[in-house]
Amino acid sequence: MRYLAAEKLEIIRMVEQSSLSARKTLEQIGVPRATFYRWYDQNQAGGPEALKDRSSHPDRIWNRIPDDVRCQIIELALEESELSPRELAVRFTDTRAYFVSEPSVYRLLKAHDLITSPAFIVIKAANEFSDKTSTPNEMWQTDFTYFKIIGWGWFYLSTILDDFSRYIIAWKLCTTMKAEDVTDTLELALTASGCNQAHVRHKPRLLSDNSSSYISGELAEWLNTQRMSHVRGAPYHPQTQGKIERWH
């Protein structure tokens, strides 16, 4: 039950003037002792004004982006208008050492009417995959995903997924996304699958996107020594790396 400030003050006066003990008086009027003594302390410290109920809403939202940071995000968006909210969030985090999420950037830009219509890249998708796998270890998909560690930096998860079974063959948590991180993960996958020991006609074909670590000459040279072929998916196409991206 909520009491008005005047009612709380009246209860305090009633207890003070009662011939009974405070405990018995409070039992008769049905007010918990802890509640009464909280009111009593508030009245002693701040008078009747302190007995008024305060709003349950905090004065400041703990994770609200400070105004000066919001201004910096808007300035960056105006300077680099070609960047999407996701790209702006990453760019701001990398260059200003202050983490902001993609949804926060999107809401801020939308509030300032800075969201433009996207330039859609239309690529027609077939009803089904044209190159289907029929057995395990025929084709492996690989990709990186990101983990932001607050107060430290980024970790990158490199994963190898079997296209046919969708089984995660190997993974490695990395501090970079270099070609050597890819080859290290592939070596783990070759060992886990036994493909580095068994004599097979064709080793798994690798499917990746067009990130710098996947188009590097270092990776191409390593794949050549392992007798593994490599294909890269078309950007924005839904039937390329959808399996591993969905897993990530």
Protein backbone atom coordinates (compact mmCIF):
# COMPACT_ATOMS: atom_id res chain seq x y z
CA MET A 1 0.00 0.00 0.00
CA ARG A 2 1.31 3.44 -0.91
CA TYR A 3 1.06 6.31 1.56
CA LEU A 4 1.11 10.02 0.86
CA ALA A 5 3.81 12.10 2.52
CA ALA A 6 1.19 13.62 4.87
CA GLU A 7 -0.01 10.15 5.89
CA LYS A 8 3.55 9.00 6.61
CA LEU A 9 4.11 12.08 8.78
CA GLU A 10 0.84 11.43 10.64
CA ILE A 11 1.92 7.84 11.35
CA ILE A 12 5.27 9.07 12.66
CA ARG A 13 3.52 11.52 14.98
CA MET A 14 1.06 8.80 16.09
CA VAL A 15 3.87 6.44 17.06
CA GLU A 16 5.78 9.21 18.85
CA GLN A 17 2.73 10.19 20.92
CA SER A 18 1.39 6.68 21.57
CA SER A 19 1.41 5.30 25.11
CA LEU A 20 2.22 1.88 23.68
CA SER A 21 5.61 0.77 22.41
CA ALA A 22 6.48 1.51 18.80
CA ARG A 23 6.30 -2.20 17.94
CA LYS A 24 2.76 -2.63 19.32
CA THR A 25 1.55 0.62 17.78
CA LEU A 26 2.85 -0.37 14.36
CA GLU A 27 1.25 -3.83 14.67
CA GLN A 28 -2.13 -2.21 15.36
CA ILE A 29 -1.96 0.13 12.36
CA GLY A 30 -0.40 -2.52 10.09
CA VAL A 31 2.82 -0.78 9.12
CA PRO A 32 6.03 -2.87 9.00
CA ARG A 33 8.69 -1.71 11.44
CA ALA A 34 11.37 -1.53 8.74
CA THR A 35 9.13 0.72 6.63
CA PHE A 36 8.33 2.98 9.58
CA TYR A 37 11.96 3.45 10.56
CA ARG A 38 12.87 4.23 6.96
CA TRP A 39 10.23 6.96 6.97
CA TYR A 40 11.45 8.16 10.36
CA ASP A 41 15.06 8.46 9.15
CA GLN A 42 13.92 10.26 5.98
CA ASN A 43 11.90 12.76 8.03
CA GLN A 44 14.77 13.34 10.41
CA ALA A 45 17.19 13.97 7.55
CA GLY A 46 15.06 15.97 5.13
CA GLY A 47 11.77 16.81 6.74
CA PRO A 48 8.31 16.15 5.25
CA GLU A 49 9.60 16.76 1.70
CA ALA A 50 11.83 13.69 2.01
CA LEU A 51 8.75 11.51 2.63
CA LYS A 52 7.38 12.05 -0.87
CA ASP A 53 7.59 9.07 -3.23
CA ARG A 54 10.28 9.38 -5.85
CA SER A 55 9.89 8.24 -9.44
CA SER A 56 11.02 4.67 -10.02
CA HIS A 57 12.59 5.78 -13.30
CA PRO A 58 16.31 6.53 -13.02
CA ASP A 59 17.45 10.09 -13.64
CA ARG A 60 20.06 8.77 -16.08
CA ILE A 61 20.03 5.64 -18.20
CA TRP A 62 23.25 3.83 -17.34
CA ASN A 63 24.14 2.83 -20.88
CA ARG A 64 23.01 5.98 -22.68
CA ILE A 65 25.59 7.24 -25.14
CA PRO A 66 26.94 10.61 -23.88
CA ASP A 67 25.91 13.67 -25.89
CA ASP A 68 29.47 14.48 -26.97
CA VAL A 69 29.90 10.93 -28.31
CA ARG A 70 26.57 11.18 -30.15
CA CYS A 71 27.80 14.37 -31.80
CA GLN A 72 31.00 12.63 -32.86
CA ILE A 73 29.00 9.77 -34.42
CA ILE A 74 26.88 12.27 -36.38
CA GLU A 75 30.01 14.08 -37.57
CA LEU A 76 31.56 10.81 -38.73
CA ALA A 77 28.33 9.86 -40.53
CA LEU A 78 28.34 13.19 -42.37
CA GLU A 79 32.02 12.88 -43.26
CA GLU A 80 31.68 9.29 -44.49
CA SER A 81 28.17 9.24 -45.84
CA GLU A 82 28.78 6.11 -47.92
CA LEU A 83 29.17 3.94 -44.79
CA SER A 84 26.26 1.87 -43.48
CA PRO A 85 25.29 2.01 -39.76
CA ARG A 86 27.15 -1.26 -39.26
CA GLU A 87 30.29 0.07 -40.93
CA LEU A 88 30.02 3.32 -39.01
CA ALA A 89 29.78 1.44 -35.70
CA VAL A 90 32.91 -0.55 -36.51
CA ARG A 91 34.79 2.51 -37.82
CA PHE A 92 33.88 4.57 -34.75
CA THR A 93 34.91 1.80 -32.36
CA ASP A 94 38.23 1.31 -34.13
CA THR A 95 39.16 4.98 -34.51
CA ARG A 96 37.69 6.56 -31.37
CA ALA A 97 38.30 3.71 -28.87
CA TYR A 98 34.65 3.88 -27.78
CA PHE A 99 32.36 0.91 -28.45
CA VAL A 100 28.98 1.62 -30.01
CA SER A 101 26.62 -1.00 -31.38
CA GLU A 102 25.09 -1.06 -34.84
CA PRO A 103 21.49 -0.64 -33.50
CA SER A 104 22.56 2.41 -31.47
CA VAL A 105 24.13 4.03 -34.53
CA TYR A 106 21.07 3.20 -36.64
CA ARG A 107 18.66 4.76 -34.11
CA LEU A 108 20.82 7.86 -33.83
CA LEU A 109 21.06 8.33 -37.60
CA LYS A 110 17.34 7.68 -38.04
CA ALA A 111 16.52 10.32 -35.41
CA HIS A 112 18.56 12.83 -37.45
CA ASP A 113 17.05 11.68 -40.77
CA LEU A 114 20.40 10.39 -42.01
CA ILE A 115 19.26 6.93 -43.10
CA THR A 116 19.21 6.70 -46.88
CA SER A 117 17.67 4.03 -49.05
CA PRO A 118 20.12 1.16 -49.54
CA ALA A 119 21.66 0.55 -52.92
CA PHE A 120 20.44 -3.00 -53.39
CA ILE A 121 22.58 -5.46 -55.31
CA VAL A 122 20.10 -7.78 -56.95
CA ILE A 123 21.38 -11.26 -57.68
CA LYS A 124 18.85 -13.86 -58.68
CA ALA A 125 19.05 -17.03 -56.59
CA ALA A 126 18.18 -20.42 -58.00
CA ASN A 127 15.58 -22.61 -56.32
CA GLU A 128 18.34 -24.94 -55.12
CA PHE A 129 22.12 -25.21 -54.99
CA SER A 130 23.70 -25.93 -58.35
CA ASP A 131 26.72 -27.75 -56.87
CA LYS A 132 25.37 -30.05 -54.20
CA THR A 133 27.62 -32.11 -51.96
CA SER A 134 26.77 -35.78 -51.58
CA THR A 135 29.32 -36.96 -48.99
CA PRO A 136 31.20 -35.60 -45.97
CA ASN A 137 34.58 -33.95 -46.58
CA GLU A 138 33.66 -33.05 -50.14
CA MET A 139 33.53 -29.32 -49.44
CA TRP A 140 34.32 -27.28 -46.32
CA GLN A 141 32.98 -23.83 -45.60
CA THR A 142 35.09 -21.41 -43.57
CA ASP A 143 34.51 -17.97 -42.14
CA PHE A 144 35.38 -15.64 -39.25
CA THR A 145 33.02 -14.15 -36.71
CA TYR A 146 33.74 -11.38 -34.20
CA PHE A 147 33.67 -11.12 -30.40
CA LYS A 148 34.05 -7.72 -28.71
CA ILE A 149 35.69 -8.01 -25.28
CA ILE A 150 34.81 -4.84 -23.37
CA GLY A 151 37.92 -3.07 -22.12
CA TRP A 152 40.26 -5.30 -24.12
CA GLY A 153 39.59 -5.59 -27.85
CA TRP A 154 38.45 -8.14 -30.41
CA PHE A 155 38.63 -11.92 -30.70
CA TYR A 156 37.94 -13.69 -34.00
CA LEU A 157 36.51 -17.20 -34.27
CA SER A 158 37.75 -19.13 -37.30
CA THR A 159 35.53 -22.11 -38.09
CA ILE A 160 35.53 -25.02 -40.54
CA LEU A 161 32.11 -26.52 -41.33
CA ASP A 162 31.44 -29.57 -43.47
CA ASP A 163 29.03 -28.54 -46.24
CA PHE A 164 27.26 -31.91 -46.43
CA SER A 165 26.76 -32.77 -42.76
CA ARG A 166 26.97 -29.20 -41.37
CA TYR A 167 29.29 -30.62 -38.73
CA ILE A 168 31.83 -28.26 -37.15
CA ILE A 169 35.10 -30.02 -37.87
CA ALA A 170 37.45 -27.52 -36.25
CA TRP A 171 37.57 -24.03 -34.81
CA LYS A 172 40.17 -21.66 -33.42
CA LEU A 173 39.87 -18.47 -31.40
CA CYS A 174 42.29 -15.91 -32.84
CA THR A 175 43.47 -12.39 -32.09
CA THR A 176 43.87 -11.61 -35.80
CA MET A 177 42.27 -12.64 -39.10
CA LYS A 178 45.42 -13.42 -41.05
CA ALA A 179 46.05 -16.17 -43.56
CA GLU A 180 48.07 -18.09 -40.96
CA ASP A 181 44.96 -18.19 -38.73
CA VAL A 182 43.07 -19.77 -41.61
CA THR A 183 45.79 -22.34 -42.29
CA ASP A 184 46.06 -23.18 -38.59
CA THR A 185 42.32 -23.88 -38.48
CA LEU A 186 42.52 -25.95 -41.66
CA GLU A 187 45.35 -28.01 -40.20
CA LEU A 188 43.15 -28.74 -37.18
CA ALA A 189 40.34 -29.78 -39.54
CA LEU A 190 42.60 -32.03 -41.61
CA THR A 191 43.82 -33.74 -38.46
CA ALA A 192 40.32 -34.09 -36.96
CA SER A 193 38.88 -35.53 -40.19
CA GLY A 194 41.85 -37.79 -40.93
CA CYS A 195 42.27 -36.25 -44.36
CA ASN A 196 45.92 -35.53 -43.64
CA GLN A 197 46.65 -39.26 -43.29
CA ALA A 198 44.24 -41.12 -45.56
CA HIS A 199 45.04 -41.43 -49.26
CA VAL A 200 42.09 -39.78 -50.98
CA ARG A 201 41.51 -38.93 -54.61
CA HIS A 202 40.36 -35.41 -53.80
CA LYS A 203 40.82 -33.50 -50.60
CA PRO A 204 37.95 -31.24 -49.48
CA ARG A 205 37.28 -28.18 -51.58
CA LEU A 206 37.36 -24.97 -49.54
CA LEU A 207 34.56 -22.41 -49.83
CA SER A 208 35.12 -18.94 -48.39
CA ASP A 209 34.18 -15.33 -48.95
CA ASN A 210 36.45 -12.68 -50.47
CA SER A 211 38.07 -11.36 -47.28
CA SER A 212 41.73 -10.43 -47.47
CA SER A 213 42.90 -13.50 -45.54
CA TYR A 214 41.10 -15.79 -48.01
CA ILE A 215 42.38 -14.18 -51.20
CA SER A 216 45.97 -13.92 -49.98
CA GLY A 217 48.82 -15.56 -51.85
CA GLU A 218 49.98 -17.19 -48.61
CA LEU A 219 46.74 -19.15 -48.32
CA ALA A 220 46.77 -20.06 -52.03
CA GLU A 221 50.31 -21.42 -51.70
CA TRP A 222 49.41 -23.44 -48.61
CA LEU A 223 46.32 -24.92 -50.28
CA ASN A 224 48.42 -25.87 -53.30
CA THR A 225 50.84 -27.84 -51.11
CA GLN A 226 47.88 -29.62 -49.52
CA ARG A 227 46.32 -30.34 -52.94
CA MET A 228 43.12 -28.56 -51.94
CA SER A 229 41.05 -26.50 -54.36
CA HIS A 230 39.47 -23.22 -53.35
CA VAL A 231 36.28 -21.47 -54.46
CA ARG A 232 34.93 -18.14 -53.25
CA GLY A 233 31.29 -17.22 -53.06
CA ALA A 234 29.64 -14.31 -54.82
CA PRO A 235 29.16 -11.28 -52.53
CA TYR A 236 25.60 -10.87 -51.15
CA HIS A 237 24.47 -14.12 -52.75
CA PRO A 238 22.22 -16.19 -50.44
CA GLN A 239 23.41 -19.59 -51.67
CA THR A 240 27.10 -19.39 -50.88
CA GLN A 241 28.16 -19.40 -47.24
CA GLY A 242 24.72 -19.36 -45.73
CA LYS A 243 25.32 -22.50 -43.68
CA ILE A 244 28.35 -21.32 -41.75
CA GLU A 245 27.05 -17.74 -41.47
CA ARG A 246 23.84 -19.03 -39.96
CA TRP A 247 25.83 -21.15 -37.51
CA HIS A 248 27.92 -18.13 -36.53
